[in-house]
Protein backbone atom coordinates (compact mmCIF):
# COMPACT_ATOMS: atom_id res chain seq x y z
CA MET A 1 -48.86 39.46 -24.29
CA ASP A 2 -45.08 39.78 -24.59
CA GLU A 3 -44.33 36.92 -27.00
CA THR A 4 -40.58 37.08 -26.37
CA ASN A 5 -40.76 36.58 -22.64
CA GLY A 6 -43.91 34.53 -22.63
CA ASP A 7 -45.16 36.66 -19.70
CA LEU A 8 -47.90 39.21 -19.21
CA GLY A 9 -46.59 42.76 -18.91
CA GLN A 10 -43.28 43.69 -17.33
CA ASP A 11 -40.95 41.12 -15.80
CA PRO A 12 -41.64 41.04 -12.02
CA GLN A 13 -37.91 41.22 -11.19
CA GLU A 14 -37.44 44.18 -13.54
CA GLU A 15 -40.47 45.92 -12.02
CA ALA A 16 -39.19 45.35 -8.46
CA THR A 17 -35.55 46.33 -9.01
CA GLY A 18 -35.79 48.79 -11.87
CA VAL A 19 -32.94 46.96 -13.62
CA PRO A 20 -33.81 46.02 -17.23
CA ILE A 21 -33.99 42.26 -17.81
CA PRO A 22 -32.93 41.13 -21.30
CA PRO A 23 -35.67 39.25 -23.18
CA ARG A 24 -35.52 35.48 -22.98
CA ALA A 25 -34.85 33.59 -26.17
CA GLY A 26 -34.40 30.02 -27.35
CA GLU A 27 -35.11 27.25 -24.87
CA ALA A 28 -35.60 29.64 -21.95
CA ALA A 29 -38.49 31.32 -23.75
CA ARG A 30 -40.20 27.97 -24.34
CA ARG A 31 -39.73 26.62 -20.84
CA ARG A 32 -41.07 29.55 -18.84
CA GLY A 33 -44.42 31.26 -18.59
CA PRO A 34 -47.94 29.88 -19.18
CA PHE A 35 -48.56 26.73 -21.19
CA ALA A 36 -48.96 27.45 -24.90
CA LYS A 37 -49.90 25.59 -28.06
CA GLY A 38 -47.23 23.04 -28.95
CA ASP A 39 -45.84 22.77 -25.41
CA ARG A 40 -45.05 19.35 -23.97
CA VAL A 41 -46.86 18.83 -20.69
CA GLN A 42 -46.32 15.99 -18.24
CA LEU A 43 -49.46 14.91 -16.39
CA THR A 44 -48.90 12.95 -13.18
CA ASP A 45 -51.77 11.07 -11.52
CA PRO A 46 -52.11 10.31 -7.77
CA LYS A 47 -50.21 7.00 -8.19
CA GLY A 48 -47.23 8.74 -9.76
CA ARG A 49 -47.92 7.53 -13.30
CA LYS A 50 -46.77 10.05 -15.89
CA HIS A 51 -48.28 10.89 -19.27
CA THR A 52 -46.84 13.37 -21.76
CA VAL A 53 -49.06 15.31 -24.16
CA VAL A 54 -48.36 17.99 -26.76
CA LEU A 55 -50.94 20.74 -26.37
CA GLU A 56 -53.25 21.41 -29.33
CA PRO A 57 -56.42 23.56 -29.12
CA GLY A 58 -59.61 21.51 -29.21
CA LYS A 59 -57.91 18.18 -28.46
CA GLN A 60 -58.39 15.94 -25.44
CA PHE A 61 -56.19 13.59 -23.42
CA HIS A 62 -58.00 10.29 -22.77
CA THR A 63 -57.33 7.56 -20.18
CA HIS A 64 -59.50 4.98 -18.43
CA ARG A 65 -59.88 7.66 -15.74
CA GLY A 66 -61.64 10.09 -18.03
CA ALA A 67 -60.76 12.81 -20.49
CA LEU A 68 -58.92 16.09 -20.05
CA ALA A 69 -59.26 18.97 -22.50
CA HIS A 70 -56.04 20.59 -23.73
CA ASP A 71 -57.82 23.94 -23.62
CA GLU A 72 -57.88 23.69 -19.81
CA LEU A 73 -54.08 23.82 -19.86
CA ILE A 74 -53.37 26.31 -22.66
CA GLY A 75 -52.81 29.72 -21.05
CA ALA A 76 -52.62 28.24 -17.52
CA PRO A 77 -49.49 28.55 -15.37
CA GLU A 78 -47.14 25.61 -14.93
CA GLY A 79 -47.62 23.59 -11.73
CA ILE A 80 -51.44 23.54 -11.66
CA VAL A 81 -53.70 20.60 -10.88
CA VAL A 82 -56.41 19.77 -13.39
CA THR A 83 -59.21 17.23 -13.02
CA SER A 84 -60.37 14.76 -15.65
CA THR A 85 -64.00 13.96 -16.40
CA GLY A 86 -63.53 10.88 -14.22
CA ASN A 87 -62.68 13.16 -11.27
CA THR A 88 -58.97 12.18 -11.24
CA PRO A 89 -56.56 15.03 -10.44
CA TYR A 90 -53.42 15.47 -12.54
CA LEU A 91 -50.39 17.62 -11.75
CA ALA A 92 -49.33 19.50 -14.90
CA LEU A 93 -45.65 20.38 -15.40
CA ARG A 94 -43.26 20.69 -18.30
CA PRO A 95 -41.17 17.49 -18.45
CA LEU A 96 -37.54 17.68 -17.39
CA LEU A 97 -34.82 16.48 -19.73
CA ALA A 98 -34.54 13.29 -17.66
CA ASP A 99 -38.27 12.66 -18.10
CA PHE A 100 -38.04 13.27 -21.83
CA VAL A 101 -35.08 10.90 -22.27
CA LEU A 102 -36.76 8.01 -20.47
CA ALA A 103 -39.99 8.40 -22.46
CA MET A 104 -38.71 9.34 -25.92
CA PRO A 105 -38.77 6.95 -28.93
CA ARG A 106 -35.63 4.84 -29.16
CA GLY A 107 -33.61 3.40 -31.98
CA ALA A 108 -30.59 2.43 -29.89
CA ALA A 109 -30.26 2.20 -26.11
CA VAL A 110 -30.05 5.60 -24.45
CA VAL A 111 -27.41 6.99 -22.12
CA TYR A 112 -29.28 7.24 -18.81
CA PRO A 113 -29.62 10.67 -17.20
CA LYS A 114 -27.31 9.68 -14.33
CA ASP A 115 -24.50 8.94 -16.79
CA ALA A 116 -25.23 11.93 -19.02
CA ALA A 117 -24.98 14.20 -15.98
CA MET A 118 -21.61 12.70 -15.04
CA ILE A 119 -20.34 13.08 -18.61
CA VAL A 120 -21.29 16.75 -18.69
CA GLY A 121 -19.66 17.29 -15.29
CA TYR A 122 -16.52 15.14 -15.48
CA ALA A 123 -15.79 15.89 -19.15
CA ASP A 124 -16.23 19.56 -18.21
CA ILE A 125 -18.58 20.46 -21.06
CA PHE A 126 -18.79 24.26 -20.87
CA PRO A 127 -20.82 26.94 -22.70
CA GLY A 128 -19.26 27.62 -26.09
CA ALA A 129 -17.26 24.37 -26.12
CA ARG A 130 -16.53 22.51 -29.35
CA VAL A 131 -17.46 18.86 -28.79
CA LEU A 132 -17.06 15.82 -31.02
CA GLU A 133 -19.44 12.92 -30.30
CA ALA A 134 -19.38 9.39 -31.73
CA GLY A 135 -22.37 7.08 -31.35
CA VAL A 136 -25.34 9.44 -31.15
CA GLY A 137 -27.79 6.52 -30.75
CA SER A 138 -31.24 7.92 -29.96
CA GLY A 139 -29.97 11.42 -29.15
CA ALA A 140 -30.29 11.33 -25.36
CA LEU A 141 -26.70 12.30 -24.61
CA ALA A 142 -26.69 14.83 -27.46
CA CYS A 143 -29.54 16.71 -25.76
CA SER A 144 -27.45 17.07 -22.58
CA LEU A 145 -24.35 18.08 -24.53
CA LEU A 146 -26.24 20.68 -26.56
CA ARG A 147 -27.69 22.18 -23.43
CA ALA A 148 -24.19 22.46 -21.97
CA VAL A 149 -22.47 24.00 -25.02
CA GLY A 150 -25.37 26.36 -25.72
CA ASP A 151 -26.15 28.20 -28.94
CA THR A 152 -22.60 29.56 -29.22
CA GLY A 153 -20.88 26.15 -28.99
CA LEU A 154 -20.62 23.28 -31.43
CA LEU A 155 -21.56 19.61 -31.21
CA VAL A 156 -20.57 17.39 -34.14
CA SER A 157 -22.22 13.96 -33.79
CA TYR A 158 -21.24 10.91 -35.84
CA GLU A 159 -23.55 7.89 -36.17
CA ARG A 160 -22.85 4.87 -38.36
CA ARG A 161 -26.48 3.86 -38.84
CA ALA A 162 -28.76 6.16 -40.81
CA ASP A 163 -31.89 4.82 -39.06
CA PHE A 164 -30.47 5.65 -35.64
CA ALA A 165 -29.46 9.10 -36.89
CA ASP A 166 -33.02 9.76 -38.07
CA VAL A 167 -34.45 8.78 -34.66
CA ALA A 168 -31.87 10.96 -32.89
CA ARG A 169 -32.61 13.95 -35.13
CA ARG A 170 -36.34 13.71 -34.46
CA ASN A 171 -35.82 13.39 -30.69
CA ILE A 172 -33.40 16.32 -30.53
CA GLU A 173 -35.70 18.56 -32.57
CA ALA A 174 -38.70 17.49 -30.49
CA PHE A 175 -36.94 18.44 -27.27
CA PHE A 176 -35.52 21.77 -28.46
CA GLY A 177 -38.53 22.70 -30.57
CA GLY A 178 -36.59 22.53 -33.84
CA PRO A 179 -33.02 22.08 -35.14
CA HIS A 180 -30.42 23.21 -32.61
CA PRO A 181 -28.14 25.91 -34.04
CA ALA A 182 -25.03 24.32 -32.51
CA HIS A 183 -25.64 20.77 -33.78
CA GLN A 184 -24.21 18.98 -36.81
CA LEU A 185 -25.32 15.34 -37.22
CA ARG A 186 -23.35 13.22 -39.68
CA VAL A 187 -23.92 9.65 -40.82
CA GLY A 188 -20.57 7.92 -41.02
CA ASP A 189 -17.63 6.49 -39.11
CA LEU A 190 -15.64 8.62 -36.69
CA GLY A 191 -12.48 7.20 -38.22
CA THR A 192 -13.13 9.35 -41.28
CA ALA A 193 -13.69 12.54 -39.27
CA GLU A 194 -11.54 15.54 -40.15
CA GLU A 195 -12.53 17.83 -37.27
CA THR A 196 -9.72 19.58 -35.41
CA ASP A 197 -9.46 22.16 -32.64
CA MET A 198 -12.11 20.35 -30.56
CA ASP A 199 -12.24 20.92 -26.81
CA ARG A 200 -13.89 17.63 -25.89
CA VAL A 201 -14.49 14.22 -27.46
CA VAL A 202 -17.25 11.94 -26.15
CA LEU A 203 -17.32 8.33 -27.34
CA ASP A 204 -20.25 5.94 -26.93
CA MET A 205 -19.10 3.09 -29.15
CA LEU A 206 -18.09 -0.56 -29.10
CA ALA A 207 -14.33 -0.15 -29.67
CA PRO A 208 -13.00 3.28 -28.59
CA TRP A 209 -9.42 2.03 -28.89
CA GLU A 210 -9.78 1.88 -32.68
CA VAL A 211 -10.20 5.67 -33.08
CA LEU A 212 -7.53 7.05 -30.74
CA GLY A 213 -5.62 8.49 -33.67
CA THR A 214 -8.67 10.44 -34.79
CA VAL A 215 -9.36 11.58 -31.23
CA ALA A 216 -5.77 12.75 -30.72
CA ARG A 217 -5.85 14.76 -33.98
CA ALA A 218 -9.18 16.32 -33.09
CA LEU A 219 -8.43 17.40 -29.52
CA VAL A 220 -6.59 20.55 -28.53
CA PRO A 221 -3.83 20.17 -25.89
CA GLY A 222 -5.52 19.88 -22.52
CA GLY A 223 -8.76 18.67 -24.12
CA VAL A 224 -10.75 15.88 -22.53
CA LEU A 225 -11.61 12.47 -23.94
CA CYS A 226 -14.60 10.80 -22.26
CA ALA A 227 -15.51 7.24 -23.27
CA TYR A 228 -18.67 5.41 -22.20
CA VAL A 229 -18.29 1.62 -22.32
CA ALA A 230 -20.50 -1.18 -21.02
CA THR A 231 -18.10 -3.94 -19.95
CA ALA A 232 -14.93 -4.29 -17.88
CA THR A 233 -13.20 -5.88 -20.88
CA GLN A 234 -13.85 -2.79 -23.01
CA LEU A 235 -12.71 -0.57 -20.14
CA SER A 236 -9.44 -2.45 -19.68
CA ARG A 237 -8.64 -2.53 -23.38
CA THR A 238 -9.35 1.17 -23.82
CA VAL A 239 -7.15 2.12 -20.86
CA GLU A 240 -4.23 0.01 -22.07
CA ALA A 241 -4.60 1.44 -25.59
CA LEU A 242 -4.51 4.99 -24.22
CA ARG A 243 -1.35 4.24 -22.25
CA GLU A 244 0.30 2.65 -25.25
CA TYR A 245 -0.69 5.50 -27.60
CA GLY A 246 1.15 7.96 -25.39
CA ALA A 247 -0.61 11.23 -26.25
CA PHE A 248 -2.83 11.24 -23.17
CA ALA A 249 -2.36 11.67 -19.45
CA GLU A 250 -3.17 8.80 -17.09
CA PRO A 251 -6.85 7.86 -17.57
CA ALA A 252 -9.40 7.66 -14.77
CA ALA A 253 -12.45 5.39 -14.69
CA PHE A 254 -15.60 5.12 -12.58
CA GLU A 255 -19.25 4.11 -12.63
CA THR A 256 -22.34 5.68 -11.05
CA MET A 257 -24.99 3.92 -8.98
CA LEU A 258 -28.28 5.74 -8.39
CA ARG A 259 -30.59 4.73 -5.55
CA ASP A 260 -33.82 6.47 -4.59
CA TRP A 261 -34.97 6.71 -0.98
CA HIS A 262 -38.40 6.01 0.48
CA LEU A 263 -39.60 8.96 2.59
CA ASP A 264 -42.78 8.53 4.63
CA GLY A 265 -42.76 10.07 8.09
CA LEU A 266 -40.27 8.11 10.21
CA ALA A 267 -39.98 5.40 7.55
CA VAL A 268 -36.82 6.69 5.84
CA ARG A 269 -34.98 3.93 4.02
CA PRO A 270 -33.46 3.06 0.65
CA GLU A 271 -35.83 1.92 -2.05
CA HIS A 272 -35.73 -1.78 -2.88
CA ARG A 273 -34.87 -1.09 -6.51
CA MET A 274 -32.10 1.06 -7.94
CA VAL A 275 -30.45 1.98 -11.22
CA GLY A 276 -27.22 0.04 -10.86
CA HIS A 277 -24.53 -0.58 -13.45
CA THR A 278 -25.28 0.89 -16.84
CA GLY A 279 -21.74 1.60 -18.01
CA PHE A 280 -18.23 2.76 -17.15
CA LEU A 281 -16.97 6.28 -17.77
CA LEU A 282 -13.34 6.81 -18.71
CA THR A 283 -11.68 10.22 -18.94
CA ALA A 284 -8.21 11.26 -20.10
CA ARG A 285 -6.54 14.60 -20.93
CA ARG A 286 -4.78 15.29 -24.22
CA LEU A 287 -1.09 16.13 -23.87
CA ALA A 288 0.76 18.65 -26.02
CA ASP A 289 2.34 17.25 -29.16
CA GLY A 290 5.70 15.63 -28.54
CA VAL A 291 5.19 15.31 -24.78
CA THR A 292 5.68 11.92 -23.16
CA PRO A 293 3.42 11.17 -20.18
CA PRO A 294 5.33 10.81 -16.90
CA PRO A 295 5.83 7.21 -15.74
CA ARG A 296 3.36 5.87 -13.23
CA ARG A 297 4.85 5.23 -9.81
CA ARG A 298 1.96 3.24 -8.46
CA ARG A 299 2.87 -0.28 -7.36
CA PRO A 300 0.94 -2.73 -9.56
CA ALA A 301 -1.23 -5.39 -7.97
CA LYS A 302 0.23 -8.90 -7.94
CA GLY A 303 -0.65 -10.66 -11.17
CA ALA A 304 -2.00 -7.52 -12.83
CA HIS A 305 0.36 -7.92 -15.77
CA GLY A 306 0.75 -11.69 -15.67
CA GLU A 307 3.19 -13.97 -13.88
CA PRO A 308 6.29 -15.33 -15.67
CA ASP A 309 6.06 -18.91 -16.89
CA PRO A 310 8.79 -20.93 -15.02
CA ALA A 311 9.45 -23.00 -18.15
CA THR A 312 9.81 -20.18 -20.70
CA GLY A 313 10.38 -17.10 -18.55
CA GLU A 314 7.68 -15.27 -20.52
CA ALA A 315 4.85 -13.41 -18.80
CA ALA A 316 1.46 -15.07 -18.87
CA ALA A 317 -1.64 -13.22 -19.98
CA PRO A 318 -2.93 -10.53 -17.59
CA GLY A 319 -4.79 -12.10 -14.72
CA GLY A 320 -2.42 -15.00 -14.23
CA PRO A 321 -2.48 -18.52 -15.68
CA ALA A 322 -5.44 -19.52 -17.82
CA LEU A 323 -8.27 -21.19 -15.92
CA VAL A 324 -9.23 -24.76 -16.66
CA ASP A 325 -12.82 -25.94 -16.61
CA GLU A 326 -12.56 -28.95 -14.31
CA ALA A 327 -16.11 -29.99 -15.22
CA ALA A 328 -15.03 -30.70 -18.80
CA PRO A 329 -14.27 -34.33 -19.80
CA ALA A 330 -10.58 -35.18 -19.53
CA GLY A 331 -8.62 -34.47 -22.68
CA GLU A 332 -11.28 -32.19 -24.28
CA ALA A 333 -10.76 -28.52 -25.04
CA THR A 334 -12.24 -26.11 -22.50
CA LEU A 335 -13.40 -22.51 -22.76
CA ALA A 336 -9.89 -21.50 -21.70
CA GLY A 337 -8.55 -23.07 -24.88
CA GLU A 338 -6.65 -25.87 -23.15
CA ALA A 339 -7.26 -29.53 -22.52
CA ALA A 340 -8.52 -30.56 -19.13
CA PRO A 341 -5.90 -32.61 -17.19
CA ARG A 342 -6.29 -36.37 -17.13
CA ARG A 343 -6.65 -37.76 -13.62
CA PRO A 344 -5.63 -41.20 -12.36
CA ALA A 345 -8.55 -43.60 -12.07
CA ASP A 346 -8.37 -43.67 -8.26
CA GLU A 347 -8.81 -39.87 -7.97
CA PRO A 348 -12.34 -38.50 -7.45
C-alpha cells in the first residue's frame, strides 16, 4: 500500500492522464482512501441518528441495536453500509468539520458552522494568511480558520481561561490528528498582544471595543477586522467605537439565519425548526496610518442620535427620551432610572 496517498497502487487520475499527481500530505492524506486505524468514522442509522467512533482493531461499537466490530470498517472504503448484530444498517462516513464541531467536547459555547463559514468568507481568510484570534473558546472557529490559512499560514489564538484553552487544544489536535503547524495558542489577554503585520483579526469576546488599539497595531493597512458579538447592544457599541477610533473604514454588520427544508416527493416545505440568531458579525477594513475615513453621507434615521432637550438644548441619549415604566408605583424609581409621574386622583 502507498502510505502517503492512502491508496492502492497508482492514482487513478495519474494512470488515466499520464500526468504525475503529487503525493497527498497532511489533512488530505487522512481524509481520503480506505478507513484506517485511528480514523474518526460517523455511523448514521436509518432514523438519522449519528454516532462517532475512533477505529481501533479488535474493538466494537455497542448500541441497543447491537454491536458493530471496528474490524469491519478498517480497510473498507468510505461510504459503505455496515450491519450491526441487531440487523441495523449504518452508513459509514468520515465526519465533516460541521459534524465534528457540533459533537465535540465543549468548555465554552462554540461558534456554529453557519457563522464560522461566514467569518471565513466575509473576513476573506486566505491560504497563507496571518490571523490573530481572541476568544478561542472550545476551538470550533480555530479549526475553520486553520483550514483556511493552511500549513503555510499563521493563526495566533488568545484565550483568557486556561481551562478553555486546554479544551480547545485537545479538540483542535483531535480534528487535525495532532498539533497544527500553523497554530499558536496563548493563554492571556489580547490587550497584551504584541503581534504585528497580521492580515486579519477575528474577535469572539465580550467587549471588542476595549482592544481596538491592539487590533489597529496588529493589522496591516487593508487588513480586515471581524468581530462576533451576541447582542445588539454589543454591536452598537463596537460600531460607534470603531467610528470614533478613526483608523477603520465604515463597518458593516449582519447575521445569518439557517433553515433546512423538508424534501419528500411533492411535499417540499421549510422545516419547522431552524438555527436562528446566534450572533452578529461585524467587519471593518484597516486604513493606512494617518488617513482619516471619509465622512458618511447617509441621512441618519430620526432619533438615531437622540433628540435635543427643549429645556437644555442638549441631545438626549440615542433612541430618544428615556422610557418610563407606567406600571411602577407613582414616585418610585423605574428601570429607566427616573421616577414615575404622579397622576391626579381622578385619572385612571
